[in-house]
Amino acid sequence: MSTTRHRGDLCPGVLRPWSAPDGMLVRLRLIGGRVASASLRALVDVSDAYADGRVHLTSRANLQVRGLPGAGSGLDPRVLGAIEATGLLPTRSHELIRNVMASPQTGLSGGRVDLRPVADELDARLCADPDLAALSGRFLFVLDDGRGDLLERSCDLGLVALDPESAQLRVGDGLGPVVPIRTAAARIAELAHAFAVRRGEGPAAPWHVAELDSPLIDLAVADPRLPTPTPPLAFGAVPGGLHVEVAADGLDRTTVADLTADAPALVVTPWRGILIPRETP
């Protein structure tokens, strides 16, 4: 579907904050929603020192801080340095395109395969390709580990696991070929590069794969092993951990301390929750 654009996207990042009435808003991308507890504690410290004292969650399983002081169109240099010290800004050049969602329970319980290594490899490949730095901050990769929890999430590129060894690619609104899990990250990164070349440059360049005038690749029929969509992860005790609902006004220092007390890492979910991983017997 062709869409006419007249400007680049304005999706916020740390190096490209959004100027709101209460100050600068920044978004920090998490790969598959995973965040080290130490980094989350450091980020709420930054918010306490410079902003509204809270860390907010997004529907893409990312984090936001709002009310930060700015210097022109960017953050105050002290704030930028404090955010970088949290470890949540691993790249300046590619921060806006690190939009990689994955099934939150992957590798913890259920699913057909642990997609955490695939998500990490994809992130590394995206950040290593200089041509991808210009992609829209709304460009989204979605990785479903075969449980069907993210199957209905629209995306630009992604995959759905069919079994422990294979997955079917998602390409815009359609499906691509079945590929081995071991090569899936490389194939998705190659498709992202192909899109970056096809889209061109300038404010009129498409943001999404579905906006191209013709398909990025030849699409395929649905593999019979594709799962059926499943509802959002319930709050409360779930296989692999405890899913905690986060209030609309975000996380404060006390809440972050409670959530991170017994877990070295957490998973932010697309349903504005926090999954605290638990060891399974």
C-alpha atoms as a PDB file:
ATOM      1  CA  MET A   1       0.000   0.000   0.000  1.00  0.00           C
ATOM      2  CA  SER A   2       1.567   3.274  -1.089  1.00  0.00           C
ATOM      3  CA  THR A   3       1.490   6.114   1.460  1.00  0.00           C
ATOM      4  CA  THR A   4       2.647   9.652   0.763  1.00  0.00           C
ATOM      5  CA  ARG A   5       4.857  11.104   3.497  1.00  0.00           C
ATOM      6  CA  HIS A   6       5.815  14.734   3.818  1.00  0.00           C
ATOM      7  CA  ARG A   7       8.188  14.541   6.787  1.00  0.00           C
ATOM      8  CA  GLY A   8      10.288  12.107   8.756  1.00  0.00           C
ATOM      9  CA  ASP A   9       8.820  10.499  11.845  1.00  0.00           C
ATOM     10  CA  LEU A  10       9.094  12.244  15.208  1.00  0.00           C
ATOM     11  CA  CYS A  11       9.318   9.149  17.399  1.00  0.00           C
ATOM     12  CA  PRO A  12      11.355  10.203  20.439  1.00  0.00           C
ATOM     13  CA  GLY A  13      14.689   8.878  21.601  1.00  0.00           C
ATOM     14  CA  VAL A  14      17.395  10.023  23.958  1.00  0.00           C
ATOM     15  CA  LEU A  15      19.250  11.919  21.237  1.00  0.00           C
ATOM     16  CA  ARG A  16      15.955  13.116  19.753  1.00  0.00           C
ATOM     17  CA  PRO A  17      13.714  13.974  22.718  1.00  0.00           C
ATOM     18  CA  TRP A  18      10.140  15.123  22.329  1.00  0.00           C
ATOM     19  CA  SER A  19       9.460  18.588  23.688  1.00  0.00           C
ATOM     20  CA  ALA A  20       6.287  18.353  25.796  1.00  0.00           C
ATOM     21  CA  PRO A  21       4.630  20.975  28.019  1.00  0.00           C
ATOM     22  CA  ASP A  22       6.211  19.409  31.117  1.00  0.00           C
ATOM     23  CA  GLY A  23       9.700  19.129  29.623  1.00  0.00           C
ATOM     24  CA  MET A  24      11.626  16.733  27.410  1.00  0.00           C
ATOM     25  CA  LEU A  25      10.365  13.167  26.904  1.00  0.00           C
ATOM     26  CA  VAL A  26      12.793  10.392  25.991  1.00  0.00           C
ATOM     27  CA  ARG A  27      12.204   6.762  25.046  1.00  0.00           C
ATOM     28  CA  LEU A  28      14.674   3.972  25.734  1.00  0.00           C
ATOM     29  CA  ARG A  29      14.442   0.861  23.579  1.00  0.00           C
ATOM     30  CA  LEU A  30      14.661  -2.584  25.182  1.00  0.00           C
ATOM     31  CA  ILE A  31      15.351  -5.711  23.143  1.00  0.00           C
ATOM     32  CA  GLY A  32      12.496  -8.098  23.828  1.00  0.00           C
ATOM     33  CA  GLY A  33      11.540  -5.947  26.812  1.00  0.00           C
ATOM     34  CA  ARG A  34      14.484  -7.185  28.865  1.00  0.00           C
ATOM     35  CA  VAL A  35      16.077  -4.778  31.317  1.00  0.00           C
ATOM     36  CA  ALA A  36      18.738  -5.347  33.949  1.00  0.00           C
ATOM     37  CA  SER A  37      17.459  -4.495  37.420  1.00  0.00           C
ATOM     38  CA  ALA A  38      20.521  -2.331  38.065  1.00  0.00           C
ATOM     39  CA  SER A  39      19.777  -0.301  34.910  1.00  0.00           C
ATOM     40  CA  LEU A  40      16.142   0.219  35.875  1.00  0.00           C
ATOM     41  CA  ARG A  41      17.170   1.397  39.341  1.00  0.00           C
ATOM     42  CA  ALA A  42      19.696   3.766  37.779  1.00  0.00           C
ATOM     43  CA  LEU A  43      17.059   5.138  35.415  1.00  0.00           C
ATOM     44  CA  VAL A  44      14.579   5.908  38.184  1.00  0.00           C
ATOM     45  CA  ASP A  45      17.446   7.678  39.955  1.00  0.00           C
ATOM     46  CA  VAL A  46      17.878   9.841  36.846  1.00  0.00           C
ATOM     47  CA  SER A  47      14.166  10.586  36.848  1.00  0.00           C
ATOM     48  CA  ASP A  48      14.278  11.438  40.549  1.00  0.00           C
ATOM     49  CA  ALA A  49      17.155  13.830  40.007  1.00  0.00           C
ATOM     50  CA  TYR A  50      15.998  15.545  36.823  1.00  0.00           C
ATOM     51  CA  ALA A  51      12.378  14.686  35.928  1.00  0.00           C
ATOM     52  CA  ASP A  52       9.072  13.573  37.460  1.00  0.00           C
ATOM     53  CA  GLY A  53      10.578  10.794  39.528  1.00  0.00           C
ATOM     54  CA  ARG A  54       8.973   8.033  37.488  1.00  0.00           C
ATOM     55  CA  VAL A  55       9.746   5.614  34.686  1.00  0.00           C
ATOM     56  CA  HIS A  56       6.883   5.023  32.263  1.00  0.00           C
ATOM     57  CA  LEU A  57       6.135   1.960  30.119  1.00  0.00           C
ATOM     58  CA  THR A  58       5.016   1.894  26.482  1.00  0.00           C
ATOM     59  CA  SER A  59       2.884  -0.544  24.490  1.00  0.00           C
ATOM     60  CA  ARG A  60       6.041  -1.607  22.612  1.00  0.00           C
ATOM     61  CA  ALA A  61       7.651  -2.809  25.851  1.00  0.00           C
ATOM     62  CA  ASN A  62       9.996   0.173  26.077  1.00  0.00           C
ATOM     63  CA  LEU A  63      10.675   2.763  28.783  1.00  0.00           C
ATOM     64  CA  GLN A  64      10.072   6.498  28.875  1.00  0.00           C
ATOM     65  CA  VAL A  65      11.122   9.333  31.136  1.00  0.00           C
ATOM     66  CA  ARG A  66       9.371  12.673  30.922  1.00  0.00           C
ATOM     67  CA  GLY A  67       9.816  16.159  32.340  1.00  0.00           C
ATOM     68  CA  LEU A  68      13.571  16.280  31.657  1.00  0.00           C
ATOM     69  CA  PRO A  69      15.448  19.581  31.201  1.00  0.00           C
ATOM     70  CA  GLY A  70      16.573  20.402  27.704  1.00  0.00           C
ATOM     71  CA  ALA A  71      19.203  22.494  25.994  1.00  0.00           C
ATOM     72  CA  GLY A  72      17.775  23.729  22.700  1.00  0.00           C
ATOM     73  CA  SER A  73      16.336  20.709  20.890  1.00  0.00           C
ATOM     74  CA  GLY A  74      18.316  18.192  22.951  1.00  0.00           C
ATOM     75  CA  LEU A  75      18.767  17.104  26.526  1.00  0.00           C
ATOM     76  CA  ASP A  76      20.864  18.979  29.023  1.00  0.00           C
ATOM     77  CA  PRO A  77      24.341  17.405  28.680  1.00  0.00           C
ATOM     78  CA  ARG A  78      24.326  16.365  32.341  1.00  0.00           C
ATOM     79  CA  VAL A  79      21.090  14.453  31.803  1.00  0.00           C
ATOM     80  CA  LEU A  80      22.347  12.791  28.644  1.00  0.00           C
ATOM     81  CA  GLY A  81      25.447  11.640  30.495  1.00  0.00           C
ATOM     82  CA  ALA A  82      23.358  10.301  33.378  1.00  0.00           C
ATOM     83  CA  ILE A  83      21.129   8.311  31.013  1.00  0.00           C
ATOM     84  CA  GLU A  84      24.105   6.869  29.165  1.00  0.00           C
ATOM     85  CA  ALA A  85      25.552   5.755  32.508  1.00  0.00           C
ATOM     86  CA  THR A  86      22.504   3.510  33.054  1.00  0.00           C
ATOM     87  CA  GLY A  87      23.631   1.278  30.166  1.00  0.00           C
ATOM     88  CA  LEU A  88      20.295   1.734  28.394  1.00  0.00           C
ATOM     89  CA  LEU A  89      21.757   3.683  25.460  1.00  0.00           C
ATOM     90  CA  PRO A  90      24.200   1.202  23.891  1.00  0.00           C
ATOM     91  CA  THR A  91      24.303   3.111  20.596  1.00  0.00           C
ATOM     92  CA  ARG A  92      23.762   6.728  19.693  1.00  0.00           C
ATOM     93  CA  SER A  93      23.583   6.232  15.933  1.00  0.00           C
ATOM     94  CA  HIS A  94      20.973   3.441  15.918  1.00  0.00           C
ATOM     95  CA  GLU A  95      18.979   4.044  19.084  1.00  0.00           C
ATOM     96  CA  LEU A  96      15.734   4.849  17.239  1.00  0.00           C
ATOM     97  CA  ILE A  97      15.598   1.613  15.238  1.00  0.00           C
ATOM     98  CA  ARG A  98      16.189  -0.854  18.078  1.00  0.00           C
ATOM     99  CA  ASN A  99      12.478  -1.717  18.146  1.00  0.00           C
ATOM    100  CA  VAL A 100      12.579  -5.477  18.712  1.00  0.00           C
ATOM    101  CA  MET A 101       9.608  -7.038  20.492  1.00  0.00           C
ATOM    102  CA  ALA A 102       9.654 -10.701  21.538  1.00  0.00           C
ATOM    103  CA  SER A 103       7.295 -12.992  23.407  1.00  0.00           C
ATOM    104  CA  PRO A 104       7.892 -11.922  27.035  1.00  0.00           C
ATOM    105  CA  GLN A 105       7.969 -15.483  28.428  1.00  0.00           C
ATOM    106  CA  THR A 106      10.379 -16.757  25.784  1.00  0.00           C
ATOM    107  CA  GLY A 107      13.174 -18.743  27.412  1.00  0.00           C
ATOM    108  CA  LEU A 108      11.344 -18.689  30.754  1.00  0.00           C
ATOM    109  CA  SER A 109       8.418 -21.015  30.119  1.00  0.00           C
ATOM    110  CA  GLY A 110       6.531 -22.426  27.135  1.00  0.00           C
ATOM    111  CA  GLY A 111       6.911 -21.426  23.533  1.00  0.00           C
ATOM    112  CA  ARG A 112       8.543 -23.499  20.820  1.00  0.00           C
ATOM    113  CA  VAL A 113      12.015 -22.000  21.087  1.00  0.00           C
ATOM    114  CA  ASP A 114      13.949 -19.498  23.194  1.00  0.00           C
ATOM    115  CA  LEU A 115      14.107 -16.410  20.997  1.00  0.00           C
ATOM    116  CA  ARG A 116      16.351 -14.346  23.259  1.00  0.00           C
ATOM    117  CA  PRO A 117      19.507 -15.263  21.302  1.00  0.00           C
ATOM    118  CA  VAL A 118      17.727 -14.445  18.033  1.00  0.00           C
ATOM    119  CA  ALA A 119      16.643 -11.044  19.389  1.00  0.00           C
ATOM    120  CA  ASP A 120      20.171 -10.258  20.584  1.00  0.00           C
ATOM    121  CA  GLU A 121      21.721 -11.293  17.267  1.00  0.00           C
ATOM    122  CA  LEU A 122      19.182  -9.221  15.358  1.00  0.00           C
ATOM    123  CA  ASP A 123      19.947  -6.180  17.502  1.00  0.00           C
ATOM    124  CA  ALA A 124      23.680  -6.582  16.880  1.00  0.00           C
ATOM    125  CA  ARG A 125      23.151  -6.924  13.127  1.00  0.00           C
ATOM    126  CA  LEU A 126      20.863  -3.886  12.964  1.00  0.00           C
ATOM    127  CA  CYS A 127      23.309  -1.714  14.856  1.00  0.00           C
ATOM    128  CA  ALA A 128      26.209  -2.878  12.664  1.00  0.00           C
ATOM    129  CA  ASP A 129      24.532  -1.719   9.435  1.00  0.00           C
ATOM    130  CA  PRO A 130      25.050   2.039   8.898  1.00  0.00           C
ATOM    131  CA  ASP A 131      22.272   2.170   6.295  1.00  0.00           C
ATOM    132  CA  LEU A 132      19.670   1.210   8.907  1.00  0.00           C
ATOM    133  CA  ALA A 133      20.303   4.249  11.116  1.00  0.00           C
ATOM    134  CA  ALA A 134      17.990   6.270   8.854  1.00  0.00           C
ATOM    135  CA  LEU A 135      14.963   3.994   9.305  1.00  0.00           C
ATOM    136  CA  SER A 136      11.888   5.403  10.992  1.00  0.00           C
ATOM    137  CA  GLY A 137      11.704   5.141  14.759  1.00  0.00           C
ATOM    138  CA  ARG A 138       8.346   3.458  14.175  1.00  0.00           C
ATOM    139  CA  PHE A 139       9.835   0.562  12.198  1.00  0.00           C
ATOM    140  CA  LEU A 140       9.060  -2.534  14.271  1.00  0.00           C
ATOM    141  CA  PHE A 141      10.427  -6.074  14.506  1.00  0.00           C
ATOM    142  CA  VAL A 142       8.184  -8.653  16.228  1.00  0.00           C
ATOM    143  CA  LEU A 143       9.382 -12.120  17.241  1.00  0.00           C
ATOM    144  CA  ASP A 144       6.742 -14.645  18.366  1.00  0.00           C
ATOM    145  CA  ASP A 145       8.179 -17.823  19.872  1.00  0.00           C
ATOM    146  CA  GLY A 146       5.267 -19.924  18.653  1.00  0.00           C
ATOM    147  CA  ARG A 147       2.881 -19.358  21.531  1.00  0.00           C
ATOM    148  CA  GLY A 148       0.890 -16.837  19.457  1.00  0.00           C
ATOM    149  CA  ASP A 149       0.989 -13.962  21.960  1.00  0.00           C
ATOM    150  CA  LEU A 150       2.392 -11.470  19.442  1.00  0.00           C
ATOM    151  CA  LEU A 151       0.880 -12.943  16.303  1.00  0.00           C
ATOM    152  CA  GLU A 152      -1.699 -10.174  15.981  1.00  0.00           C
ATOM    153  CA  ARG A 153       0.795  -7.383  16.557  1.00  0.00           C
ATOM    154  CA  SER A 154       1.355  -5.482  13.324  1.00  0.00           C
ATOM    155  CA  CYS A 155       5.003  -5.248  12.359  1.00  0.00           C
ATOM    156  CA  ASP A 156       7.396  -4.420   9.564  1.00  0.00           C
ATOM    157  CA  LEU A 157       9.513  -7.547   9.861  1.00  0.00           C
ATOM    158  CA  GLY A 158       9.575 -10.492  12.216  1.00  0.00           C
ATOM    159  CA  LEU A 159       9.012 -14.185  12.628  1.00  0.00           C
ATOM    160  CA  VAL A 160       6.786 -16.822  14.183  1.00  0.00           C
ATOM    161  CA  ALA A 161       8.448 -20.008  15.442  1.00  0.00           C
ATOM    162  CA  LEU A 162       7.007 -23.185  13.920  1.00  0.00           C
ATOM    163  CA  ASP A 163       9.127 -25.646  15.916  1.00  0.00           C
ATOM    164  CA  PRO A 164      12.505 -25.556  17.713  1.00  0.00           C
ATOM    165  CA  GLU A 165      14.388 -25.427  14.413  1.00  0.00           C
ATOM    166  CA  SER A 166      12.309 -23.287  12.023  1.00  0.00           C
ATOM    167  CA  ALA A 167      10.222 -20.134  11.764  1.00  0.00           C
ATOM    168  CA  GLN A 168       8.108 -18.360   9.186  1.00  0.00           C
ATOM    169  CA  LEU A 169       9.114 -14.799   8.482  1.00  0.00           C
ATOM    170  CA  ARG A 170       6.659 -11.913   8.699  1.00  0.00           C
ATOM    171  CA  VAL A 171       7.053  -9.233   6.033  1.00  0.00           C
ATOM    172  CA  GLY A 172       4.787  -6.215   6.375  1.00  0.00           C
ATOM    173  CA  ASP A 173       1.181  -7.405   6.341  1.00  0.00           C
ATOM    174  CA  GLY A 174       2.119 -10.784   4.857  1.00  0.00           C
ATOM    175  CA  LEU A 175       4.230 -13.854   5.423  1.00  0.00           C
ATOM    176  CA  GLY A 176       7.603 -14.726   3.993  1.00  0.00           C
ATOM    177  CA  PRO A 177       9.481 -17.997   3.630  1.00  0.00           C
ATOM    178  CA  VAL A 178      10.128 -20.604   6.291  1.00  0.00           C
ATOM    179  CA  VAL A 179      13.741 -20.347   7.470  1.00  0.00           C
ATOM    180  CA  PRO A 180      15.971 -22.110  10.009  1.00  0.00           C
ATOM    181  CA  ILE A 181      15.970 -20.439  13.422  1.00  0.00           C
ATOM    182  CA  ARG A 182      19.778 -20.294  13.290  1.00  0.00           C
ATOM    183  CA  THR A 183      19.693 -17.985  10.238  1.00  0.00           C
ATOM    184  CA  ALA A 184      16.522 -16.040  11.070  1.00  0.00           C
ATOM    185  CA  ALA A 185      18.232 -12.949  12.518  1.00  0.00           C
ATOM    186  CA  ALA A 186      20.478 -12.653   9.486  1.00  0.00           C
ATOM    187  CA  ARG A 187      17.530 -12.995   7.084  1.00  0.00           C
ATOM    188  CA  ILE A 188      15.506 -10.353   8.907  1.00  0.00           C
ATOM    189  CA  ALA A 189      18.468  -7.961   8.963  1.00  0.00           C
ATOM    190  CA  GLU A 190      18.966  -8.523   5.228  1.00  0.00           C
ATOM    191  CA  LEU A 191      15.318  -7.667   4.602  1.00  0.00           C
ATOM    192  CA  ALA A 192      15.639  -4.534   6.714  1.00  0.00           C
ATOM    193  CA  HIS A 193      18.618  -3.495   4.593  1.00  0.00           C
ATOM    194  CA  ALA A 194      16.660  -4.205   1.399  1.00  0.00           C
ATOM    195  CA  PHE A 195      13.841  -2.005   2.683  1.00  0.00           C
ATOM    196  CA  ALA A 196      16.287   0.782   3.546  1.00  0.00           C
ATOM    197  CA  VAL A 197      17.554   0.704  -0.047  1.00  0.00           C
ATOM    198  CA  ARG A 198      14.075   0.536  -1.577  1.00  0.00           C
ATOM    199  CA  ARG A 199      12.567   3.328   0.503  1.00  0.00           C
ATOM    200  CA  GLY A 200      15.036   5.959  -0.663  1.00  0.00           C
ATOM    201  CA  GLU A 201      15.805   9.122   1.255  1.00  0.00           C
ATOM    202  CA  GLY A 202      14.115  12.342   2.276  1.00  0.00           C
ATOM    203  CA  PRO A 203      10.884  13.216   4.079  1.00  0.00           C
ATOM    204  CA  ALA A 204       8.722  11.364   1.533  1.00  0.00           C
ATOM    205  CA  ALA A 205      10.448   8.003   2.126  1.00  0.00           C
ATOM    206  CA  PRO A 206       8.121   5.288   3.484  1.00  0.00           C
ATOM    207  CA  TRP A 207       8.295   4.470   7.165  1.00  0.00           C
ATOM    208  CA  HIS A 208       6.911   0.936   6.906  1.00  0.00           C
ATOM    209  CA  VAL A 209       7.325  -2.127   4.685  1.00  0.00           C
ATOM    210  CA  ALA A 210       3.588  -2.153   3.936  1.00  0.00           C
ATOM    211  CA  GLU A 211       3.883   1.345   2.428  1.00  0.00           C
ATOM    212  CA  LEU A 212       6.077   0.257  -0.463  1.00  0.00           C
ATOM    213  CA  ASP A 213       4.542   0.372  -3.947  1.00  0.00           C
ATOM    214  CA  SER A 214       5.263  -3.351  -4.421  1.00  0.00           C
ATOM    215  CA  PRO A 215       6.084  -6.209  -2.016  1.00  0.00           C
ATOM    216  CA  LEU A 216       9.570  -6.253  -0.545  1.00  0.00           C
ATOM    217  CA  ILE A 217       9.840  -9.970  -1.469  1.00  0.00           C
ATOM    218  CA  ASP A 218       7.539 -12.618  -2.871  1.00  0.00           C
ATOM    219  CA  LEU A 219       5.083 -13.493  -0.131  1.00  0.00           C
ATOM    220  CA  ALA A 220       4.202 -17.039   0.909  1.00  0.00           C
ATOM    221  CA  VAL A 221       1.150 -18.861   2.192  1.00  0.00           C
ATOM    222  CA  ALA A 222       0.717 -19.514   5.886  1.00  0.00           C
ATOM    223  CA  ASP A 223       2.499 -22.630   7.116  1.00  0.00           C
ATOM    224  CA  PRO A 224      -0.003 -25.060   8.704  1.00  0.00           C
ATOM    225  CA  ARG A 225       2.142 -25.083  11.849  1.00  0.00           C
ATOM    226  CA  LEU A 226       1.462 -21.413  12.582  1.00  0.00           C
ATOM    227  CA  PRO A 227      -0.112 -21.024  16.023  1.00  0.00           C
ATOM    228  CA  THR A 228      -3.466 -19.425  16.671  1.00  0.00           C
ATOM    229  CA  PRO A 229      -3.359 -16.021  18.362  1.00  0.00           C
ATOM    230  CA  THR A 230      -3.511 -16.067  22.153  1.00  0.00           C
ATOM    231  CA  PRO A 231      -4.778 -13.315  24.482  1.00  0.00           C
ATOM    232  CA  PRO A 232      -2.455 -10.945  26.336  1.00  0.00           C
ATOM    233  CA  LEU A 233      -0.514 -12.391  29.241  1.00  0.00           C
ATOM    234  CA  ALA A 234      -2.654 -12.315  32.383  1.00  0.00           C
ATOM    235  CA  PHE A 235      -1.491 -10.367  35.414  1.00  0.00           C
ATOM    236  CA  GLY A 236      -0.498 -12.347  38.477  1.00  0.00           C
ATOM    237  CA  ALA A 237       1.396 -15.614  38.765  1.00  0.00           C
ATOM    238  CA  VAL A 238       2.101 -17.035  35.293  1.00  0.00           C
ATOM    239  CA  PRO A 239       4.370 -19.811  34.006  1.00  0.00           C
ATOM    240  CA  GLY A 240       7.913 -18.527  34.342  1.00  0.00           C
ATOM    241  CA  GLY A 241       7.252 -15.685  36.730  1.00  0.00           C
ATOM    242  CA  LEU A 242       4.978 -13.023  38.164  1.00  0.00           C
ATOM    243  CA  HIS A 243       3.359 -10.524  35.774  1.00  0.00           C
ATOM    244  CA  VAL A 244       2.784  -7.233  37.591  1.00  0.00           C
ATOM    245  CA  GLU A 245       0.468  -4.572  36.211  1.00  0.00           C
ATOM    246  CA  VAL A 246       2.013  -1.096  36.200  1.00  0.00           C
ATOM    247  CA  ALA A 247      -0.107   1.932  37.013  1.00  0.00           C
ATOM    248  CA  ALA A 248      -0.731   4.514  34.309  1.00  0.00           C
ATOM    249  CA  ASP A 249       1.555   6.993  36.069  1.00  0.00           C
ATOM    250  CA  GLY A 250       4.504   4.618  35.852  1.00  0.00           C
ATOM    251  CA  LEU A 251       7.081   3.304  38.288  1.00  0.00           C
ATOM    252  CA  ASP A 252       8.474   5.272  41.218  1.00  0.00           C
ATOM    253  CA  ARG A 253      11.601   4.525  43.234  1.00  0.00           C
ATOM    254  CA  THR A 254       9.784   2.399  45.825  1.00  0.00           C
ATOM    255  CA  THR A 255       8.023   0.284  43.199  1.00  0.00           C
ATOM    256  CA  VAL A 256      11.241  -0.254  41.264  1.00  0.00           C
ATOM    257  CA  ALA A 257      13.003  -1.339  44.461  1.00  0.00           C
ATOM    258  CA  ASP A 258      10.246  -3.862  45.180  1.00  0.00           C
ATOM    259  CA  LEU A 259      10.232  -5.246  41.635  1.00  0.00           C
ATOM    260  CA  THR A 260      13.999  -5.654  41.458  1.00  0.00           C
ATOM    261  CA  ALA A 261      14.582  -6.938  44.991  1.00  0.00           C
ATOM    262  CA  ASP A 262      14.928 -10.597  44.066  1.00  0.00           C
ATOM    263  CA  ALA A 263      15.560 -10.558  40.309  1.00  0.00           C
ATOM    264  CA  PRO A 264      18.714  -9.518  38.436  1.00  0.00           C
ATOM    265  CA  ALA A 265      16.642  -8.702  35.348  1.00  0.00           C
ATOM    266  CA  LEU A 266      13.013  -8.013  34.459  1.00  0.00           C
ATOM    267  CA  VAL A 267      10.934  -8.158  31.289  1.00  0.00           C
ATOM    268  CA  VAL A 268       8.770  -5.193  30.304  1.00  0.00           C
ATOM    269  CA  THR A 269       5.693  -6.533  28.506  1.00  0.00           C
ATOM    270  CA  PRO A 270       3.658  -4.976  25.668  1.00  0.00           C
ATOM    271  CA  TRP A 271       0.659  -4.824  28.019  1.00  0.00           C
ATOM    272  CA  ARG A 272       2.287  -2.224  30.270  1.00  0.00           C
ATOM    273  CA  GLY A 273       3.347  -4.793  32.803  1.00  0.00           C
ATOM    274  CA  ILE A 274       6.553  -6.126  34.323  1.00  0.00           C
ATOM    275  CA  LEU A 275       7.335  -9.834  34.277  1.00  0.00           C
ATOM    276  CA  ILE A 276       9.506 -10.861  37.210  1.00  0.00           C
ATOM    277  CA  PRO A 277      11.204 -14.100  36.147  1.00  0.00           C
ATOM    278  CA  ARG A 278      10.984 -16.996  38.595  1.00  0.00           C
ATOM    279  CA  GLU A 279      12.937 -20.217  38.521  1.00  0.00           C
ATOM    280  CA  THR A 280      10.754 -23.110  37.474  1.00  0.00           C
ATOM    281  CA  PRO A 281      11.219 -26.529  39.118  1.00  0.00           C
END
